[in-house]
């Protein structure tokens, strides 16, 4: 299945950028005049916004539309999270801290890369 039009991927990316820019639903709804319930459906992956709304959101965050609609992380972090979930019961607390450090480091690298490309 194509990533384009995928409600879950859009919701994940939307949450990522909201967290990255320290914005909440009310901030965005008020700034863009979007009904809170509509935005919440996008946020929860219930519905998918029209392209004009995706463009509004991309402009709001000063990112590309593709940053909201494409799964940019599927080959790195998603697979790592699955691997971690499968093996978390056998990891020590030190192992978990090391993995957490590596994940946060990689996220910062991705953020920097995305910022430089945007």
N, C-alpha and C. Protein backbone atom coordinates (compact mmCIF):
# COMPACT_ATOMS: atom_id res chain seq x y z
N UNK A 1 0.84 -1.19 0.00
CA UNK A 1 0.00 0.00 0.00
C UNK A 1 0.88 1.24 0.00
N UNK A 2 0.50 2.23 -0.74
CA UNK A 2 1.23 3.49 -0.81
C UNK A 2 1.09 4.23 0.51
N UNK A 3 2.15 4.96 0.86
CA UNK A 3 2.10 5.79 2.07
C UNK A 3 1.19 7.00 1.87
N UNK A 4 1.06 7.46 0.62
CA UNK A 4 0.26 8.64 0.36
C UNK A 4 -1.20 8.37 0.70
N UNK A 5 -1.79 9.29 1.43
CA UNK A 5 -3.19 9.11 1.84
C UNK A 5 -3.36 8.24 3.06
N UNK A 6 -2.26 7.84 3.67
CA UNK A 6 -2.32 6.99 4.85
C UNK A 6 -2.57 7.85 6.09
N UNK A 7 -3.74 7.65 6.71
CA UNK A 7 -4.15 8.46 7.86
C UNK A 7 -3.19 8.29 9.04
N UNK A 8 -2.71 7.07 9.25
CA UNK A 8 -1.84 6.81 10.40
C UNK A 8 -0.49 7.49 10.23
N UNK A 9 0.05 7.46 9.03
CA UNK A 9 1.33 8.12 8.77
C UNK A 9 1.19 9.62 8.93
N UNK A 10 0.10 10.17 8.39
CA UNK A 10 -0.13 11.60 8.54
C UNK A 10 -0.22 11.96 10.01
N UNK A 11 -1.00 11.20 10.78
CA UNK A 11 -1.17 11.49 12.21
C UNK A 11 0.18 11.42 12.94
N UNK A 12 0.97 10.43 12.63
CA UNK A 12 2.29 10.29 13.26
C UNK A 12 3.18 11.49 12.94
N UNK A 13 3.20 11.89 11.68
CA UNK A 13 4.02 13.03 11.28
C UNK A 13 3.50 14.33 11.90
N UNK A 14 2.19 14.49 11.95
CA UNK A 14 1.59 15.67 12.56
C UNK A 14 1.99 15.77 14.03
N UNK A 15 1.89 14.67 14.75
CA UNK A 15 2.28 14.65 16.16
C UNK A 15 3.75 14.98 16.33
N UNK A 16 4.56 14.44 15.42
CA UNK A 16 6.00 14.70 15.48
C UNK A 16 6.28 16.20 15.38
N UNK A 17 5.68 16.86 14.38
CA UNK A 17 5.95 18.29 14.19
C UNK A 17 5.31 19.14 15.27
N UNK A 18 4.19 18.72 15.79
CA UNK A 18 3.60 19.45 16.92
C UNK A 18 4.54 19.40 18.12
N UNK A 19 5.09 18.24 18.38
CA UNK A 19 6.03 18.09 19.49
C UNK A 19 7.31 18.87 19.21
N UNK A 20 7.81 18.76 18.00
CA UNK A 20 9.07 19.42 17.62
C UNK A 20 8.97 20.94 17.78
N UNK A 21 7.82 21.50 17.39
CA UNK A 21 7.64 22.95 17.46
C UNK A 21 6.88 23.38 18.72
N UNK A 22 6.65 22.43 19.61
CA UNK A 22 5.99 22.70 20.90
C UNK A 22 4.63 23.39 20.70
N UNK A 23 3.81 22.78 19.86
CA UNK A 23 2.47 23.30 19.58
C UNK A 23 1.44 22.27 20.03
N UNK A 24 0.30 22.77 20.50
CA UNK A 24 -0.78 21.85 20.85
C UNK A 24 -1.94 22.05 19.88
N UNK A 25 -2.95 21.25 20.03
CA UNK A 25 -4.09 21.30 19.10
C UNK A 25 -4.76 22.67 19.09
N UNK A 26 -4.92 23.25 20.27
CA UNK A 26 -5.56 24.56 20.33
C UNK A 26 -4.75 25.62 19.60
N UNK A 27 -3.43 25.58 19.75
CA UNK A 27 -2.57 26.54 19.05
C UNK A 27 -2.83 26.52 17.56
N UNK A 28 -2.82 25.31 17.01
CA UNK A 28 -2.95 25.15 15.56
C UNK A 28 -4.37 25.48 15.10
N UNK A 29 -5.36 24.98 15.81
CA UNK A 29 -6.75 25.25 15.43
C UNK A 29 -7.05 26.74 15.44
N UNK A 30 -6.56 27.43 16.45
CA UNK A 30 -6.80 28.88 16.53
C UNK A 30 -6.06 29.63 15.43
N UNK A 31 -4.81 29.25 15.17
CA UNK A 31 -4.01 29.95 14.16
C UNK A 31 -4.55 29.73 12.76
N UNK A 32 -5.05 28.53 12.48
CA UNK A 32 -5.47 28.18 11.12
C UNK A 32 -6.99 28.15 10.94
N UNK A 33 -7.72 28.44 12.01
CA UNK A 33 -9.19 28.45 11.96
C UNK A 33 -9.74 27.11 11.50
N UNK A 34 -9.22 26.06 12.13
CA UNK A 34 -9.68 24.69 11.86
C UNK A 34 -10.51 24.24 13.05
N UNK A 35 -11.68 23.67 12.82
CA UNK A 35 -12.47 23.16 13.96
C UNK A 35 -11.66 22.12 14.75
N UNK A 36 -11.74 22.23 16.07
CA UNK A 36 -10.97 21.35 16.95
C UNK A 36 -11.30 19.88 16.69
N UNK A 37 -12.56 19.57 16.48
CA UNK A 37 -12.95 18.17 16.26
C UNK A 37 -12.38 17.63 14.95
N UNK A 38 -12.34 18.47 13.93
CA UNK A 38 -11.75 18.07 12.65
C UNK A 38 -10.27 17.77 12.83
N UNK A 39 -9.59 18.69 13.50
CA UNK A 39 -8.16 18.51 13.72
C UNK A 39 -7.89 17.26 14.56
N UNK A 40 -8.72 17.02 15.56
CA UNK A 40 -8.55 15.85 16.41
C UNK A 40 -8.71 14.56 15.61
N UNK A 41 -9.61 14.55 14.65
CA UNK A 41 -9.75 13.37 13.78
C UNK A 41 -8.48 13.14 12.96
N UNK A 42 -7.86 14.20 12.47
CA UNK A 42 -6.58 14.05 11.76
C UNK A 42 -5.52 13.56 12.72
N UNK A 43 -5.46 14.16 13.88
CA UNK A 43 -4.46 13.86 14.91
C UNK A 43 -4.53 12.39 15.34
N UNK A 44 -5.75 11.87 15.42
CA UNK A 44 -5.95 10.49 15.84
C UNK A 44 -5.98 9.49 14.70
N UNK A 45 -5.77 9.95 13.47
CA UNK A 45 -5.76 9.05 12.33
C UNK A 45 -7.13 8.54 11.93
N UNK A 46 -8.17 9.26 12.30
CA UNK A 46 -9.53 8.86 11.95
C UNK A 46 -9.87 9.29 10.53
N UNK A 47 -9.48 10.52 10.18
CA UNK A 47 -9.72 11.04 8.84
C UNK A 47 -8.42 11.62 8.29
N UNK A 48 -8.45 11.89 7.00
CA UNK A 48 -7.29 12.45 6.30
C UNK A 48 -7.67 13.81 5.74
N UNK A 49 -6.85 14.83 5.96
CA UNK A 49 -7.23 16.16 5.49
C UNK A 49 -7.14 16.33 3.98
N UNK A 50 -7.89 17.29 3.47
CA UNK A 50 -7.78 17.66 2.06
C UNK A 50 -6.42 18.29 1.81
N UNK A 51 -6.00 18.31 0.57
CA UNK A 51 -4.67 18.80 0.22
C UNK A 51 -4.48 20.27 0.62
N UNK A 52 -5.54 21.08 0.54
CA UNK A 52 -5.40 22.48 0.93
C UNK A 52 -5.11 22.61 2.42
N UNK A 53 -5.65 21.72 3.22
CA UNK A 53 -5.39 21.74 4.67
C UNK A 53 -3.97 21.23 4.96
N UNK A 54 -3.53 20.25 4.20
CA UNK A 54 -2.16 19.76 4.35
C UNK A 54 -1.19 20.90 4.02
N UNK A 55 -1.51 21.65 2.97
CA UNK A 55 -0.66 22.78 2.59
C UNK A 55 -0.65 23.86 3.68
N UNK A 56 -1.81 24.13 4.27
CA UNK A 56 -1.88 25.09 5.37
C UNK A 56 -0.99 24.65 6.54
N UNK A 57 -1.08 23.37 6.88
CA UNK A 57 -0.28 22.85 7.99
C UNK A 57 1.21 22.91 7.66
N UNK A 58 1.57 22.55 6.44
CA UNK A 58 2.98 22.60 6.04
C UNK A 58 3.50 24.03 6.12
N UNK A 59 2.72 24.98 5.66
CA UNK A 59 3.12 26.38 5.75
C UNK A 59 3.23 26.83 7.20
N UNK A 60 2.32 26.38 8.03
CA UNK A 60 2.34 26.73 9.45
C UNK A 60 3.64 26.26 10.11
N UNK A 61 4.05 25.04 9.80
CA UNK A 61 5.28 24.48 10.38
C UNK A 61 6.53 24.85 9.57
N UNK A 62 6.33 25.49 8.41
CA UNK A 62 7.42 25.84 7.51
C UNK A 62 8.19 24.59 7.07
N UNK A 63 7.42 23.60 6.63
CA UNK A 63 7.97 22.34 6.14
C UNK A 63 7.34 22.03 4.79
N UNK A 64 7.80 20.95 4.15
CA UNK A 64 7.21 20.52 2.89
C UNK A 64 5.96 19.67 3.16
N UNK A 65 5.03 19.69 2.22
CA UNK A 65 3.84 18.84 2.36
C UNK A 65 4.24 17.37 2.52
N UNK A 66 5.28 16.98 1.80
CA UNK A 66 5.73 15.58 1.87
C UNK A 66 6.17 15.20 3.28
N UNK A 67 6.62 16.19 4.06
CA UNK A 67 7.02 15.89 5.44
C UNK A 67 5.83 15.45 6.29
N UNK A 68 4.64 15.83 5.88
CA UNK A 68 3.44 15.43 6.61
C UNK A 68 2.82 14.15 6.08
N UNK A 69 3.01 13.86 4.80
CA UNK A 69 2.25 12.75 4.22
C UNK A 69 3.07 11.51 3.90
N UNK A 70 4.40 11.62 3.95
CA UNK A 70 5.24 10.47 3.64
C UNK A 70 5.86 9.89 4.90
N UNK A 71 6.05 8.59 4.88
CA UNK A 71 6.68 7.91 6.01
C UNK A 71 8.19 8.00 5.84
N UNK A 72 8.78 8.96 6.47
CA UNK A 72 10.21 9.23 6.31
C UNK A 72 11.08 8.33 7.18
N UNK A 73 10.48 7.66 8.15
CA UNK A 73 11.27 6.94 9.15
C UNK A 73 11.12 5.43 9.08
N UNK A 74 10.41 4.91 8.11
CA UNK A 74 10.05 3.50 8.16
C UNK A 74 11.24 2.55 8.14
N UNK A 75 12.34 2.95 7.54
CA UNK A 75 13.48 2.04 7.45
C UNK A 75 14.45 2.15 8.62
N UNK A 76 14.29 3.14 9.46
CA UNK A 76 15.24 3.29 10.55
C UNK A 76 14.57 3.12 11.90
N UNK A 77 13.82 4.11 12.33
CA UNK A 77 13.28 4.08 13.69
C UNK A 77 12.16 3.06 13.88
N UNK A 78 11.28 2.91 12.90
CA UNK A 78 10.18 1.97 13.07
C UNK A 78 10.68 0.54 13.28
N UNK A 79 11.63 0.12 12.46
CA UNK A 79 12.17 -1.23 12.60
C UNK A 79 12.90 -1.39 13.93
N UNK A 80 13.58 -0.34 14.35
CA UNK A 80 14.29 -0.40 15.62
C UNK A 80 13.30 -0.51 16.78
N UNK A 81 12.20 0.23 16.72
CA UNK A 81 11.20 0.15 17.77
C UNK A 81 10.58 -1.24 17.85
N UNK A 82 10.32 -1.86 16.70
CA UNK A 82 9.78 -3.21 16.68
C UNK A 82 10.76 -4.18 17.32
N UNK A 83 12.02 -4.07 16.94
CA UNK A 83 13.06 -4.92 17.51
C UNK A 83 13.16 -4.73 19.02
N UNK A 84 13.12 -3.49 19.45
CA UNK A 84 13.18 -3.20 20.89
C UNK A 84 11.99 -3.82 21.61
N UNK A 85 10.78 -3.63 21.07
CA UNK A 85 9.58 -4.17 21.72
C UNK A 85 9.64 -5.68 21.85
N UNK A 86 10.17 -6.35 20.83
CA UNK A 86 10.25 -7.82 20.87
C UNK A 86 11.24 -8.31 21.93
N UNK A 87 12.26 -7.49 22.24
CA UNK A 87 13.33 -7.96 23.12
C UNK A 87 13.44 -7.21 24.44
N UNK A 88 12.51 -6.33 24.74
CA UNK A 88 12.66 -5.50 25.92
C UNK A 88 12.66 -6.29 27.23
N UNK A 89 12.06 -7.46 27.24
CA UNK A 89 12.02 -8.26 28.47
C UNK A 89 13.38 -8.84 28.87
N UNK A 90 14.29 -8.97 27.91
CA UNK A 90 15.60 -9.54 28.22
C UNK A 90 16.68 -8.48 28.43
N UNK A 91 16.31 -7.20 28.28
CA UNK A 91 17.29 -6.12 28.43
C UNK A 91 17.43 -5.68 29.88
N UNK A 92 18.65 -5.34 30.24
CA UNK A 92 18.89 -4.78 31.57
C UNK A 92 18.51 -3.30 31.54
N UNK A 93 18.44 -2.68 32.71
CA UNK A 93 18.16 -1.25 32.77
C UNK A 93 19.26 -0.45 32.07
N UNK A 94 20.51 -0.90 32.20
CA UNK A 94 21.61 -0.24 31.50
C UNK A 94 21.45 -0.35 29.98
N UNK A 95 21.04 -1.54 29.52
CA UNK A 95 20.80 -1.72 28.09
C UNK A 95 19.72 -0.75 27.60
N UNK A 96 18.65 -0.63 28.36
CA UNK A 96 17.54 0.24 27.99
C UNK A 96 17.99 1.70 27.93
N UNK A 97 18.81 2.11 28.90
CA UNK A 97 19.31 3.49 28.90
C UNK A 97 20.21 3.75 27.70
N UNK A 98 21.04 2.78 27.35
CA UNK A 98 21.92 2.92 26.19
C UNK A 98 21.09 3.03 24.91
N UNK A 99 20.09 2.18 24.78
CA UNK A 99 19.22 2.21 23.61
C UNK A 99 18.46 3.52 23.53
N UNK A 100 17.95 3.97 24.66
CA UNK A 100 17.23 5.25 24.71
C UNK A 100 18.15 6.38 24.24
N UNK A 101 19.39 6.37 24.71
CA UNK A 101 20.36 7.39 24.30
C UNK A 101 20.58 7.35 22.79
N UNK A 102 20.74 6.15 22.23
CA UNK A 102 20.97 6.00 20.79
C UNK A 102 19.77 6.46 19.97
N UNK A 103 18.57 6.15 20.44
CA UNK A 103 17.36 6.58 19.74
C UNK A 103 17.26 8.10 19.74
N UNK A 104 17.49 8.70 20.89
CA UNK A 104 17.41 10.17 20.97
C UNK A 104 18.48 10.82 20.10
N UNK A 105 19.66 10.25 20.07
CA UNK A 105 20.74 10.77 19.23
C UNK A 105 20.33 10.69 17.76
N UNK A 106 19.77 9.56 17.36
CA UNK A 106 19.36 9.39 15.96
C UNK A 106 18.23 10.36 15.61
N UNK A 107 17.28 10.56 16.53
CA UNK A 107 16.19 11.50 16.28
C UNK A 107 16.74 12.91 16.07
N UNK A 108 17.73 13.30 16.87
CA UNK A 108 18.33 14.63 16.70
C UNK A 108 19.01 14.73 15.33
N UNK A 109 19.68 13.66 14.90
CA UNK A 109 20.32 13.65 13.58
C UNK A 109 19.28 13.81 12.48
N UNK A 110 18.17 13.09 12.60
CA UNK A 110 17.09 13.19 11.62
C UNK A 110 16.50 14.59 11.62
N UNK A 111 16.28 15.14 12.81
CA UNK A 111 15.75 16.51 12.91
C UNK A 111 16.67 17.49 12.20
N UNK A 112 17.95 17.38 12.45
CA UNK A 112 18.93 18.27 11.83
C UNK A 112 18.92 18.09 10.31
N UNK A 113 18.86 16.85 9.87
CA UNK A 113 18.85 16.54 8.43
C UNK A 113 17.58 17.12 7.78
N UNK A 114 16.44 16.94 8.43
CA UNK A 114 15.18 17.43 7.89
C UNK A 114 15.19 18.96 7.86
N UNK A 115 15.76 19.58 8.89
CA UNK A 115 15.81 21.04 8.95
C UNK A 115 16.70 21.58 7.82
N UNK A 116 17.81 20.91 7.57
CA UNK A 116 18.73 21.34 6.51
C UNK A 116 18.15 21.14 5.12
N UNK A 117 17.29 20.12 4.97
CA UNK A 117 16.67 19.84 3.66
C UNK A 117 15.42 20.67 3.43
N UNK A 118 14.83 21.19 4.50
CA UNK A 118 13.55 21.90 4.39
C UNK A 118 13.72 23.27 4.00
